[in-house]
Amino acid sequence: MTAAACVIDSDAVPADDDGIRQTLGAPTGFETALEQAVLACGSGSALRRATSDFDEVLFVLEGACVLRADGEEHALEPGSGAYLAPGLEYELENTGTAWLRVVAVRIPDPGRGLQDAGDPEPDARVAISRLTDQDTEAATTDREFRIVADPGCGLRSATHFVGYIPTKRAPDHFHTYDEVIYVLDGEGVLEIGGRQAPIRTGTCIHLPRTLVHCLANTGESDMRVLGVFTPAGSPAEAYYPDGTLAVVPERS
């Protein structure tokens, strides 16, 4: 689409021997600070990984599993998210009868921002959240979001969220963070510089900071997207092409 952005269909990315599709990031040749992958394993099997020097966040797309990390076990289902600190080994055991599919994003430079300001290391090395437990917050042009993980749970380097995009088109805008997106459901187009790329469930997108764009919903109901961006901040923060801050209207 453009040298500054990337749009890719996750189903078009071949899985490796461990069932991992590396969709976005340095291993696939895209210049981004974030690495996105779709993890999958069948019923009764397990997938083992290590966070290494990265912060890592997970979001369950489908299936049921037990996450084992840092001596703890956590039951996860669709809509569940997890934050995993650097230096952890973890296991996802598929405890359901269908395939388990999880979006994983690794963030380099753990502790960016808050830790640099002198804040102590967070106590939590594993944090679990469920989308249904999170408050819905307002963004621009009637858009909404729910936080999955952010500095409040120990994730210092990024914000992990689900965004709800209505059929009303938002003006062209940009952000001051690098972002990777996975389209959870819906259809639309990514518009950049007068060009359009179609997007649908399973589309993966990399948006570098300051790139003017619009993610437009062309369907009949809300589009849902899973986003991770660094450095951490609010998903509602956006700027128009002239640099003016987009103001989020107050709810009555």
Protein backbone atom coordinates (compact mmCIF):
# COMPACT_ATOMS: atom_id res chain seq x y z
CA MET A 1 0.00 0.00 0.00
CA THR A 2 2.77 2.38 0.97
CA ALA A 3 6.32 1.96 2.18
CA ALA A 4 5.29 3.47 5.51
CA ALA A 5 2.45 1.07 6.32
CA CYS A 6 1.68 -2.63 6.06
CA VAL A 7 -1.58 -4.51 5.50
CA ILE A 8 -1.49 -8.31 5.47
CA ASP A 9 -4.00 -11.16 5.69
CA SER A 10 -3.08 -13.40 8.62
CA ASP A 11 -4.42 -16.46 6.76
CA ALA A 12 -1.90 -15.80 3.98
CA VAL A 13 1.05 -16.14 6.38
CA PRO A 14 2.32 -19.74 6.62
CA ALA A 15 2.50 -21.26 10.10
CA ASP A 16 5.80 -22.67 11.36
CA ASP A 17 6.21 -26.10 12.94
CA ASP A 18 4.91 -24.75 16.27
CA GLY A 19 1.71 -23.35 14.74
CA ILE A 20 2.87 -19.73 14.89
CA ARG A 21 2.12 -17.26 12.11
CA GLN A 22 4.53 -14.31 12.37
CA THR A 23 2.31 -11.62 10.86
CA LEU A 24 4.11 -8.34 11.57
CA GLY A 25 7.55 -7.32 12.77
CA ALA A 26 11.25 -7.58 12.10
CA PRO A 27 11.19 -11.36 11.39
CA THR A 28 8.86 -10.71 8.43
CA GLY A 29 10.87 -7.78 7.12
CA PHE A 30 8.63 -4.93 8.28
CA GLU A 31 10.23 -1.99 10.05
CA THR A 32 8.33 -1.76 13.32
CA ALA A 33 9.12 -1.73 17.00
CA LEU A 34 6.37 -4.30 17.59
CA GLU A 35 6.15 -8.00 16.68
CA GLN A 36 2.72 -9.51 16.12
CA ALA A 37 1.95 -13.22 15.74
CA VAL A 38 -1.08 -15.50 15.69
CA LEU A 39 -0.60 -18.61 17.84
CA ALA A 40 -2.65 -21.76 17.28
CA CYS A 41 -2.80 -25.29 18.66
CA GLY A 42 -5.31 -28.12 18.49
CA SER A 43 -7.40 -29.69 21.22
CA GLY A 44 -5.34 -31.45 23.89
CA SER A 45 -2.05 -29.91 22.74
CA ALA A 46 0.06 -27.09 24.15
CA LEU A 47 2.27 -24.31 22.90
CA ARG A 48 5.35 -23.16 24.81
CA ARG A 49 7.11 -19.82 24.42
CA ALA A 50 9.41 -17.44 26.28
CA THR A 51 9.08 -13.67 26.52
CA SER A 52 12.86 -13.26 26.46
CA ASP A 53 13.74 -9.54 26.69
CA PHE A 54 10.27 -8.39 25.61
CA ASP A 55 7.04 -7.36 27.24
CA GLU A 56 4.36 -9.59 25.69
CA VAL A 57 0.58 -9.35 25.54
CA LEU A 58 -1.91 -12.05 24.55
CA PHE A 59 -5.55 -11.96 23.47
CA VAL A 60 -7.65 -15.09 22.96
CA LEU A 61 -9.56 -15.08 19.68
CA GLU A 62 -11.20 -18.48 20.00
CA GLY A 63 -10.95 -21.63 22.08
CA ALA A 64 -10.24 -22.24 25.76
CA CYS A 65 -6.90 -22.71 27.44
CA VAL A 66 -4.88 -22.66 30.62
CA LEU A 67 -1.99 -20.20 30.76
CA ARG A 68 0.89 -21.38 32.94
CA ALA A 69 3.49 -18.75 33.81
CA ASP A 70 5.53 -17.70 36.83
CA GLY A 71 4.24 -20.65 38.87
CA GLU A 72 0.57 -19.75 38.32
CA GLU A 73 -2.30 -21.11 36.23
CA HIS A 74 -5.01 -18.98 34.63
CA ALA A 75 -8.05 -20.19 32.68
CA LEU A 76 -8.60 -18.08 29.55
CA GLU A 77 -11.45 -17.90 27.05
CA PRO A 78 -12.29 -15.68 24.04
CA GLY A 79 -12.02 -12.04 25.04
CA SER A 80 -9.38 -12.75 27.71
CA GLY A 81 -6.08 -10.90 27.68
CA ALA A 82 -2.78 -11.40 29.47
CA TYR A 83 0.33 -9.33 30.10
CA LEU A 84 3.61 -11.23 30.54
CA ALA A 85 6.77 -9.55 31.80
CA PRO A 86 10.24 -10.11 30.31
CA GLY A 87 12.18 -13.20 31.32
CA LEU A 88 9.22 -15.59 31.60
CA GLU A 89 8.60 -18.99 30.09
CA TYR A 90 4.94 -19.77 29.55
CA GLU A 91 2.64 -22.47 28.25
CA LEU A 92 -0.80 -22.30 26.63
CA GLU A 93 -2.63 -25.63 26.95
CA ASN A 94 -5.73 -26.03 24.80
CA THR A 95 -8.39 -27.34 27.17
CA GLY A 96 -11.30 -27.11 24.74
CA THR A 97 -12.53 -29.24 21.86
CA ALA A 98 -11.84 -26.68 19.11
CA TRP A 99 -8.69 -24.97 17.92
CA LEU A 100 -7.09 -22.37 20.18
CA ARG A 101 -6.15 -19.11 18.45
CA VAL A 102 -4.35 -16.27 20.24
CA VAL A 103 -2.91 -12.95 19.05
CA ALA A 104 0.47 -12.27 20.67
CA VAL A 105 2.40 -8.99 20.46
CA ARG A 106 5.93 -8.49 21.72
CA ILE A 107 7.12 -5.02 22.71
CA PRO A 108 10.83 -4.21 22.91
CA ASP A 109 12.31 -1.73 25.37
CA PRO A 110 10.23 -2.88 28.38
CA GLY A 111 9.65 -0.17 30.96
CA ARG A 112 9.82 2.68 28.45
CA GLY A 113 8.70 6.01 29.91
CA LEU A 114 7.55 5.28 33.45
CA GLN A 115 10.58 3.25 34.44
CA ASP A 116 12.87 5.88 32.93
CA ALA A 117 11.18 8.42 35.21
CA GLY A 118 12.31 6.47 38.24
CA ASP A 119 9.24 4.37 38.98
CA PRO A 120 9.97 1.01 40.64
CA GLU A 121 9.57 -2.27 38.78
CA PRO A 122 5.96 -3.49 38.85
CA ASP A 123 5.16 -6.30 41.28
CA ALA A 124 2.95 -8.18 38.81
CA ARG A 125 4.80 -10.25 36.24
CA VAL A 126 1.58 -11.77 34.91
CA ALA A 127 -1.70 -9.82 34.67
CA ILE A 128 -5.00 -11.20 33.37
CA SER A 129 -7.96 -9.17 32.13
CA ARG A 130 -11.32 -9.93 30.57
CA LEU A 131 -12.87 -7.56 28.11
CA THR A 132 -16.31 -7.81 29.70
CA ASP A 133 -14.87 -6.49 32.98
CA GLN A 134 -13.39 -3.34 31.42
CA ASP A 135 -15.13 0.03 31.17
CA THR A 136 -16.03 1.37 27.73
CA GLU A 137 -14.37 4.74 27.06
CA ALA A 138 -15.05 7.36 24.40
CA ALA A 139 -12.80 8.34 21.51
CA THR A 140 -13.36 10.70 18.58
CA THR A 141 -16.17 10.41 15.99
CA ASP A 142 -18.36 8.16 18.17
CA ARG A 143 -15.59 5.56 18.46
CA GLU A 144 -15.10 3.65 21.70
CA PHE A 145 -12.48 1.41 23.28
CA ARG A 146 -11.75 -0.88 26.20
CA ILE A 147 -8.31 -1.28 27.71
CA VAL A 148 -6.90 -4.81 27.91
CA ALA A 149 -3.51 -3.90 29.44
CA ASP A 150 -1.57 -0.70 30.10
CA PRO A 151 0.79 0.74 32.75
CA GLY A 152 -1.95 0.31 35.34
CA CYS A 153 -1.45 -3.48 35.31
CA GLY A 154 2.35 -3.41 34.95
CA LEU A 155 2.73 -3.11 31.17
CA ARG A 156 5.06 -0.10 31.08
CA SER A 157 5.94 -0.02 27.38
CA ALA A 158 2.58 -0.12 25.57
CA THR A 159 -1.21 0.04 25.62
CA HIS A 160 -3.29 -3.01 24.62
CA PHE A 161 -6.93 -2.32 23.74
CA VAL A 162 -10.00 -3.26 21.72
CA GLY A 163 -11.51 -0.50 19.62
CA TYR A 164 -15.07 -0.22 18.32
CA ILE A 165 -15.37 1.60 14.98
CA PRO A 166 -18.87 2.69 13.89
CA THR A 167 -19.97 3.19 10.30
CA LYS A 168 -19.51 6.96 10.68
CA ARG A 169 -16.22 7.88 8.99
CA ALA A 170 -13.58 9.63 11.08
CA PRO A 171 -11.51 12.49 9.58
CA ASP A 172 -7.98 11.72 8.45
CA HIS A 173 -5.67 11.79 11.45
CA PHE A 174 -2.38 10.53 12.90
CA HIS A 175 -1.01 9.26 16.20
CA THR A 176 2.31 9.84 17.96
CA TYR A 177 2.85 6.12 18.59
CA ASP A 178 3.69 2.99 16.59
CA GLU A 179 0.73 0.61 16.37
CA VAL A 180 -0.12 -2.90 15.22
CA ILE A 181 -3.75 -3.90 14.66
CA TYR A 182 -5.63 -7.16 14.22
CA VAL A 183 -9.19 -6.88 12.85
CA LEU A 184 -11.38 -8.98 15.15
CA ASP A 185 -14.53 -8.67 13.06
CA GLY A 186 -16.07 -6.44 10.42
CA GLU A 187 -14.94 -5.04 7.09
CA GLY A 188 -13.69 -1.75 5.79
CA VAL A 189 -10.79 0.06 4.16
CA LEU A 190 -7.56 1.62 5.34
CA GLU A 191 -7.21 4.99 3.60
CA ILE A 192 -3.78 6.63 3.23
CA GLY A 193 -2.94 9.43 0.85
CA GLY A 194 -5.97 8.89 -1.36
CA ARG A 195 -5.32 5.16 -1.69
CA GLN A 196 -7.37 2.37 -0.14
CA ALA A 197 -6.60 -1.16 1.05
CA PRO A 198 -9.50 -3.50 1.91
CA ILE A 199 -9.54 -4.96 5.42
CA ARG A 200 -11.64 -7.70 7.02
CA THR A 201 -11.61 -10.14 9.91
CA GLY A 202 -8.05 -11.43 10.25
CA THR A 203 -6.36 -8.46 8.57
CA CYS A 204 -3.16 -7.30 10.29
CA ILE A 205 -2.01 -3.68 10.02
CA HIS A 206 1.11 -1.79 11.01
CA LEU A 207 0.74 1.99 11.35
CA PRO A 208 3.95 3.89 12.09
CA ARG A 209 3.75 7.03 14.18
CA THR A 210 2.69 10.30 12.48
CA LEU A 211 1.30 8.52 9.40
CA VAL A 212 -1.93 10.27 8.34
CA HIS A 213 -4.65 7.65 7.78
CA CYS A 214 -8.27 6.67 8.32
CA LEU A 215 -9.56 3.22 9.24
CA ALA A 216 -13.07 3.32 7.75
CA ASN A 217 -15.85 0.85 8.46
CA THR A 218 -17.80 -0.07 5.29
CA GLY A 219 -19.99 -2.69 6.95
CA GLU A 220 -23.43 -2.38 8.52
CA SER A 221 -22.36 -2.78 12.16
CA ASP A 222 -19.42 -1.81 14.35
CA MET A 223 -15.99 -3.06 13.39
CA ARG A 224 -13.86 -4.37 16.26
CA VAL A 225 -10.08 -4.11 16.19
CA LEU A 226 -7.38 -5.28 18.60
CA GLY A 227 -4.58 -2.75 18.91
CA VAL A 228 -1.22 -2.49 20.64
CA PHE A 229 0.80 0.71 20.53
CA THR A 230 4.03 2.04 22.02
CA PRO A 231 4.78 4.20 23.92
CA ALA A 232 1.78 3.78 26.21
CA GLY A 233 -0.99 6.34 26.19
CA SER A 234 -4.67 6.77 25.41
CA PRO A 235 -6.26 5.22 22.30
CA ALA A 236 -8.39 8.38 22.11
CA GLU A 237 -5.38 10.63 21.44
CA ALA A 238 -5.29 11.61 17.76
CA TYR A 239 -4.20 14.59 15.67
CA TYR A 240 -5.56 16.03 12.45
CA PRO A 241 -3.13 16.47 9.52
CA ASP A 242 -2.45 20.11 10.53
CA GLY A 243 -1.35 18.95 13.99
CA THR A 244 -4.54 20.00 15.80
CA LEU A 245 -5.50 17.70 18.64
CA ALA A 246 -8.78 15.88 18.00
CA VAL A 247 -11.06 16.57 20.95
CA VAL A 248 -13.14 13.75 22.41
CA PRO A 249 -16.67 15.01 23.12
CA GLU A 250 -17.92 14.67 26.67
CA ARG A 251 -20.67 12.15 27.22
CA SER A 252 -23.96 13.52 28.52
